Protein backbone atom coordinates (compact mmCIF):
# COMPACT_ATOMS: atom_id res chain seq x y z
CA MET A 1 12.55 33.63 -15.79
CA ASN A 2 13.51 30.48 -18.13
CA ILE A 3 12.02 27.10 -19.32
CA ARG A 4 14.29 25.14 -16.45
CA ASP A 5 12.77 27.40 -13.91
CA LEU A 6 9.17 26.53 -15.24
CA LYS A 7 9.97 22.79 -15.27
CA TYR A 8 11.04 22.99 -11.58
CA LEU A 9 7.63 24.83 -10.73
CA VAL A 10 5.63 22.10 -12.60
CA ALA A 11 7.84 19.31 -10.92
CA LEU A 12 6.74 20.82 -7.67
CA ALA A 13 3.26 21.03 -8.41
CA ASP A 14 3.20 17.51 -9.60
CA HIS A 15 5.04 15.99 -6.74
CA GLY A 16 4.30 18.46 -3.57
CA HIS A 17 7.69 17.76 -2.37
CA PHE A 18 11.10 19.27 -3.09
CA GLY A 19 12.97 16.16 -2.74
CA LYS A 20 10.76 14.36 -5.19
CA ALA A 21 10.50 17.22 -7.48
CA ALA A 22 14.24 17.60 -7.50
CA ASP A 23 14.80 13.85 -8.16
CA ALA A 24 12.28 14.20 -11.03
CA CYS A 25 14.37 17.00 -12.51
CA PHE A 26 17.93 15.36 -11.97
CA VAL A 27 19.04 18.28 -9.94
CA SER A 28 19.98 18.49 -5.96
CA GLN A 29 17.28 19.97 -3.84
CA PRO A 30 19.06 23.03 -2.68
CA ALA A 31 19.53 23.78 -6.37
CA LEU A 32 15.65 23.58 -7.17
CA SER A 33 14.89 25.53 -3.84
CA ILE A 34 17.10 28.37 -5.06
CA GLN A 35 15.77 28.65 -8.66
CA ILE A 36 12.17 28.49 -7.08
CA LYS A 37 13.00 31.57 -4.84
CA LYS A 38 14.67 33.31 -7.62
CA LEU A 39 11.62 32.76 -9.57
CA GLU A 40 9.37 34.21 -6.83
CA GLU A 41 11.59 37.21 -6.57
CA ASN A 42 11.64 37.72 -10.50
CA LEU A 43 7.70 37.55 -10.47
CA GLY A 44 6.92 39.46 -7.29
CA VAL A 45 4.72 36.82 -6.01
CA LYS A 46 4.73 33.87 -3.43
CA LEU A 47 4.31 30.78 -5.22
CA LEU A 48 4.83 28.32 -2.68
CA GLU A 49 3.67 27.76 0.90
CA ARG A 50 6.61 25.60 2.52
CA THR A 51 6.42 23.36 5.61
CA ASN A 52 8.62 20.85 6.88
CA LYS A 53 7.06 17.71 5.21
CA SER A 54 5.47 19.13 2.14
CA VAL A 55 5.12 22.00 -0.25
CA LEU A 56 1.64 23.64 -1.26
CA LEU A 57 1.12 26.01 -3.98
CA THR A 58 -0.63 29.27 -3.48
CA ASP A 59 -3.68 30.35 -5.48
CA SER A 60 -1.24 32.41 -7.70
CA GLY A 61 1.41 29.75 -7.65
CA THR A 62 -1.48 26.98 -8.87
CA ILE A 63 -2.43 29.44 -11.81
CA ILE A 64 1.10 30.23 -13.02
CA ALA A 65 1.90 26.32 -12.68
CA GLU A 66 -0.81 25.50 -15.07
CA ARG A 67 0.46 28.42 -17.49
CA ALA A 68 3.94 26.96 -17.05
CA ARG A 69 2.71 23.59 -17.87
CA SER A 70 0.88 24.92 -21.15
CA ILE A 71 4.20 26.67 -22.06
CA LEU A 72 6.10 23.32 -21.42
CA ASN A 73 3.78 21.58 -23.68
CA GLN A 74 4.25 24.20 -26.44
CA VAL A 75 8.14 23.96 -26.37
CA GLU A 76 7.72 20.27 -26.54
CA GLU A 77 5.69 20.56 -29.77
CA VAL A 78 8.17 23.08 -31.26
CA ARG A 79 10.62 20.40 -30.89
CA ASP A 80 8.58 17.72 -32.08
CA ILE A 81 7.47 19.94 -35.13
CA ALA A 82 11.51 20.30 -36.02
CA LYS A 83 11.87 16.42 -35.78
CA ALA A 84 8.97 15.69 -37.58
CA ALA A 85 10.35 18.03 -40.47
CA LYS A 86 13.34 15.77 -40.84
CA ASP A 87 11.37 12.68 -40.64
CA PRO A 88 7.93 12.50 -39.29
CA PHE A 89 7.81 8.43 -38.85
CA SER A 90 10.86 8.45 -36.50
CA GLY A 91 11.40 9.20 -32.89
CA GLU A 92 9.70 8.44 -29.73
CA LEU A 93 5.87 7.74 -29.09
CA ARG A 94 4.65 7.70 -25.59
CA ILE A 95 1.23 5.88 -25.59
CA GLY A 96 -1.14 4.98 -22.91
CA ILE A 97 -3.67 2.11 -22.76
CA ILE A 98 -6.04 1.01 -20.08
CA PRO A 99 -5.42 -2.45 -18.30
CA THR A 100 -8.70 -3.88 -19.62
CA LEU A 101 -7.56 -3.64 -23.02
CA ALA A 102 -3.78 -3.85 -22.84
CA PRO A 103 -3.06 -7.49 -22.53
CA TYR A 104 -5.60 -8.47 -25.23
CA LEU A 105 -4.87 -5.89 -28.06
CA LEU A 106 -1.15 -5.34 -27.73
CA PRO A 107 -0.12 -8.97 -28.91
CA LEU A 108 -2.64 -8.56 -31.90
CA ILE A 109 -1.34 -5.23 -33.19
CA PHE A 110 2.26 -4.63 -31.84
CA PRO A 111 4.25 -7.02 -34.33
CA ALA A 112 2.56 -5.08 -37.39
CA LEU A 113 3.07 -1.86 -35.75
CA VAL A 114 6.81 -2.26 -35.33
CA LYS A 115 7.12 -3.73 -38.68
CA ALA A 116 5.34 -0.70 -40.30
CA PHE A 117 7.13 2.02 -38.22
CA PRO A 118 10.51 0.56 -37.78
CA LYS A 119 12.09 3.99 -36.82
CA ILE A 120 9.62 4.79 -34.01
CA SER A 121 10.43 3.98 -30.31
CA PHE A 122 7.11 3.09 -28.60
CA TYR A 123 6.67 3.37 -24.94
CA LEU A 124 3.51 2.08 -23.33
CA ILE A 125 1.84 3.31 -20.14
CA GLU A 126 -0.80 0.90 -18.69
CA GLU A 127 -3.26 2.93 -16.40
CA LYS A 128 -6.84 3.80 -15.76
CA THR A 129 -8.55 6.17 -18.05
CA ALA A 130 -8.69 9.47 -15.85
CA PHE A 131 -4.94 9.13 -15.40
CA LEU A 132 -4.26 8.56 -19.20
CA ILE A 133 -6.39 11.52 -20.07
CA GLU A 134 -4.75 13.95 -17.40
CA HIS A 135 -1.45 12.84 -18.95
CA LEU A 136 -2.33 13.39 -22.19
CA LYS A 137 -3.57 16.94 -21.29
CA GLN A 138 -0.23 17.51 -19.66
CA GLY A 139 1.88 16.56 -22.67
CA LYS A 140 3.47 13.33 -20.99
CA LEU A 141 1.83 11.20 -23.56
CA HIS A 142 1.62 11.54 -27.10
CA ALA A 143 -1.67 9.35 -27.66
CA THR A 144 -3.68 7.02 -25.58
CA PHE A 145 -6.15 3.95 -26.41
CA LEU A 146 -9.58 4.55 -24.76
CA ALA A 147 -12.60 2.66 -24.57
CA SER A 148 -15.21 5.36 -24.26
CA ALA A 149 -16.52 8.44 -26.26
CA MET A 150 -14.02 11.22 -26.45
CA ILE A 151 -15.71 14.60 -25.20
CA GLU A 152 -12.35 16.65 -24.63
CA THR A 153 -12.62 19.48 -27.25
CA ASN A 154 -8.98 19.77 -27.49
CA PHE A 155 -8.61 16.46 -28.46
CA LYS A 156 -8.77 14.35 -31.72
CA SER A 157 -9.76 10.62 -31.89
CA ALA A 158 -9.79 7.88 -34.57
CA LEU A 159 -12.19 5.12 -33.86
CA LEU A 160 -10.55 1.60 -34.29
CA PHE A 161 -13.42 -0.80 -33.64
CA GLU A 162 -16.49 -1.62 -31.51
CA GLU A 163 -15.58 -4.23 -29.06
CA GLU A 164 -18.38 -6.62 -28.44
CA PHE A 165 -19.56 -7.51 -24.83
CA LEU A 166 -20.34 -11.40 -24.22
CA LEU A 167 -21.90 -12.94 -21.22
CA ALA A 168 -19.18 -15.04 -19.21
CA MET A 169 -20.26 -17.83 -16.81
CA PRO A 170 -19.28 -21.13 -15.39
CA ALA A 171 -19.52 -24.07 -17.92
CA ASN A 172 -22.05 -25.63 -15.76
CA HIS A 173 -24.37 -22.54 -15.59
CA ALA A 174 -27.91 -23.09 -16.64
CA LEU A 175 -27.29 -20.36 -19.42
CA SER A 176 -24.33 -22.09 -20.74
CA LYS A 177 -26.06 -23.99 -23.42
CA ARG A 178 -27.82 -21.16 -25.09
CA LYS A 179 -26.46 -20.04 -28.51
CA SER A 180 -27.33 -16.46 -27.55
CA ILE A 181 -28.67 -14.39 -24.87
CA ARG A 182 -31.72 -12.25 -24.44
CA GLN A 183 -32.48 -9.56 -22.68
CA HIS A 184 -35.16 -10.99 -20.24
CA ASP A 185 -32.63 -13.79 -19.62
CA LEU A 186 -30.68 -11.51 -17.22
CA ASP A 187 -33.84 -10.09 -15.68
CA ASN A 188 -32.89 -9.88 -11.57
CA LYS A 189 -29.55 -11.86 -12.18
CA ASP A 190 -26.47 -10.52 -10.43
CA LEU A 191 -23.07 -9.83 -12.27
CA LEU A 192 -19.74 -9.68 -11.00
CA LEU A 193 -17.89 -6.26 -11.94
CA LEU A 194 -14.72 -4.28 -11.58
CA ASP A 195 -13.98 -1.97 -8.92
CA GLU A 196 -14.45 1.79 -9.22
CA GLY A 197 -12.01 3.94 -11.64
CA HIS A 198 -12.29 1.43 -14.42
CA CYS A 199 -14.23 2.70 -17.39
CA LEU A 200 -15.48 -0.88 -18.13
CA ARG A 201 -17.33 -1.01 -14.89
CA GLU A 202 -19.44 2.19 -15.86
CA GLN A 203 -19.78 0.43 -19.24
CA ALA A 204 -20.84 -2.71 -17.61
CA LEU A 205 -23.41 -0.94 -15.26
CA ALA A 206 -24.99 1.12 -18.26
CA VAL A 207 -25.41 -2.60 -19.93
CA CYS A 208 -26.83 -4.16 -16.45
CA HIS A 209 -29.40 -1.31 -16.25
CA ARG A 210 -30.55 -1.82 -19.83
CA LEU A 211 -30.85 -5.79 -19.18
CA LYS A 212 -32.61 -5.27 -15.76
CA ALA A 213 -29.45 -6.94 -14.21
CA THR A 214 -27.82 -6.03 -11.19
CA GLU A 215 -24.13 -5.79 -9.72
CA THR A 216 -23.22 -8.56 -7.01
CA GLN A 217 -22.75 -6.28 -3.96
CA HIS A 218 -20.17 -8.16 -1.94
CA PHE A 219 -17.32 -8.48 -4.52
CA ARG A 220 -15.59 -6.07 -6.85
CA ALA A 221 -12.65 -7.29 -9.08
CA THR A 222 -9.38 -5.18 -9.63
CA SER A 223 -9.00 -6.87 -12.94
CA LEU A 224 -10.50 -9.04 -15.73
CA GLU A 225 -8.30 -11.76 -15.01
CA THR A 226 -9.39 -11.76 -11.24
CA LEU A 227 -13.26 -11.70 -12.59
CA ARG A 228 -12.23 -14.83 -14.63
CA HIS A 229 -10.94 -16.51 -11.70
CA MET A 230 -14.09 -15.80 -9.91
CA ILE A 231 -16.17 -17.45 -12.69
CA THR A 232 -14.18 -20.36 -13.14
CA ALA A 233 -14.63 -20.74 -9.04
CA GLY A 234 -18.60 -20.76 -9.88
CA MET A 235 -18.82 -17.48 -8.02
CA GLY A 236 -21.25 -15.80 -10.72
CA MET A 237 -21.42 -14.18 -14.26
CA THR A 238 -19.81 -11.00 -15.65
CA LEU A 239 -19.88 -9.28 -19.10
CA MET A 240 -16.54 -9.91 -20.85
CA PRO A 241 -15.06 -7.85 -23.62
CA LYS A 242 -14.50 -10.24 -26.63
CA LEU A 243 -10.75 -9.71 -26.90
CA ALA A 244 -10.33 -10.94 -23.29
CA CYS A 245 -12.55 -14.01 -23.76
CA ARG A 246 -9.96 -16.67 -23.67
CA PRO A 247 -10.77 -20.23 -24.30
CA SER A 248 -11.31 -22.25 -21.06
CA PRO A 249 -12.95 -25.61 -20.30
CA ASP A 250 -14.49 -24.00 -17.27
CA ILE A 251 -15.83 -20.67 -18.86
CA CYS A 252 -18.46 -20.37 -21.33
CA TYR A 253 -18.75 -17.24 -23.46
CA VAL A 254 -22.34 -16.57 -25.14
CA PRO A 255 -23.07 -13.51 -27.25
CA PHE A 256 -26.29 -11.44 -26.96
CA VAL A 257 -28.88 -11.07 -29.56
CA GLN A 258 -28.77 -8.04 -31.62
CA PRO A 259 -28.35 -5.26 -30.96
CA ARG A 260 -25.48 -6.51 -29.05
CA PRO A 261 -23.72 -4.45 -26.26
CA THR A 262 -20.27 -2.97 -27.29
CA ARG A 263 -17.65 -0.62 -26.17
CA PRO A 264 -15.94 1.92 -28.79
CA ILE A 265 -11.86 1.43 -28.96
CA SER A 266 -10.33 4.76 -30.04
CA LEU A 267 -6.88 6.20 -30.16
CA ALA A 268 -6.89 10.02 -28.86
CA TRP A 269 -4.36 12.48 -28.95
CA ARG A 270 -4.07 16.46 -28.54
CA ALA A 271 -5.34 18.40 -31.44
CA SER A 272 -2.35 20.56 -31.50
CA SER A 273 -0.02 17.61 -31.47
CA ALA A 274 2.95 17.67 -34.04
CA LYS A 275 2.71 14.13 -34.24
CA GLN A 276 -0.70 13.96 -35.72
CA ALA A 277 0.23 12.60 -39.12
CA VAL A 278 1.92 9.54 -37.55
CA LEU A 279 -0.82 8.97 -35.18
CA GLU A 280 -3.52 8.85 -37.96
CA ALA A 281 -1.11 6.53 -40.07
CA LEU A 282 -0.95 4.32 -36.64
CA ALA A 283 -4.66 4.29 -36.43
CA LYS A 284 -4.91 3.45 -39.91
CA GLN A 285 -2.43 0.58 -39.44
CA ILE A 286 -4.26 -1.01 -36.43
CA LYS A 287 -7.65 -0.94 -38.13
CA HIS A 288 -5.87 -3.15 -40.69
CA SER A 289 -4.19 -5.28 -38.06
CA ILE A 290 -7.34 -6.25 -36.29
CA LEU A 291 -9.69 -6.69 -39.39
């Protein structure tokens, strides 16, 4: 049993298909299949249930694949430690970010990050929160931006800032002339929200409950830009994160009275990460960039 065999098993667990797993490992399908059979013989246990179209892991295979994933993560961290010993502020950083934050935050911070960390190559992955957290656990990401409180005990995080929500509405809306929105202004009002899977949706629902507003039932958007277009078309109101409040003659953004609804924006990473020093420095630089 070697590191290569563990990589092949984890790839099969991830893709559920010999061909796709082989492509991910940059080997031929027969080569991967032979090595998995040798691994089963070596361990004396059946790891896979093979069919013509797919691959399923046995109960033992599932447990061993997760242990193998943990071992591979530790091997990667050993390599990171060795690289960091030479120059901790160089190399590759794979960072995740959620879609409701990426297009608005990244242009504000990345020019300064590239200048402050010239030896680091940044690779960004834009996905929903659950995907990013899982990939962070699996070691596929070094860190991720989140817009929710971190509850994973094996993660560390740095709060970057609290992002305020504003009420976004058509420019001709009855509330658009207000300097601020009070809680009872939204009693029994419908708000447009994002689709399932966006952490912003859950945060907006919590705010709606607090403000006694409700969700528009006949429409859910896949992005903040879709929400913006719906508001421009006069289809309703929504809660818009402040960074996403782009000026438009057709939309009015009105702040709430205190205490204003906000969402926490943080950078999270594995507590065992060998890149902790550079990630802490990264978080500090981001805070400085958005002040």
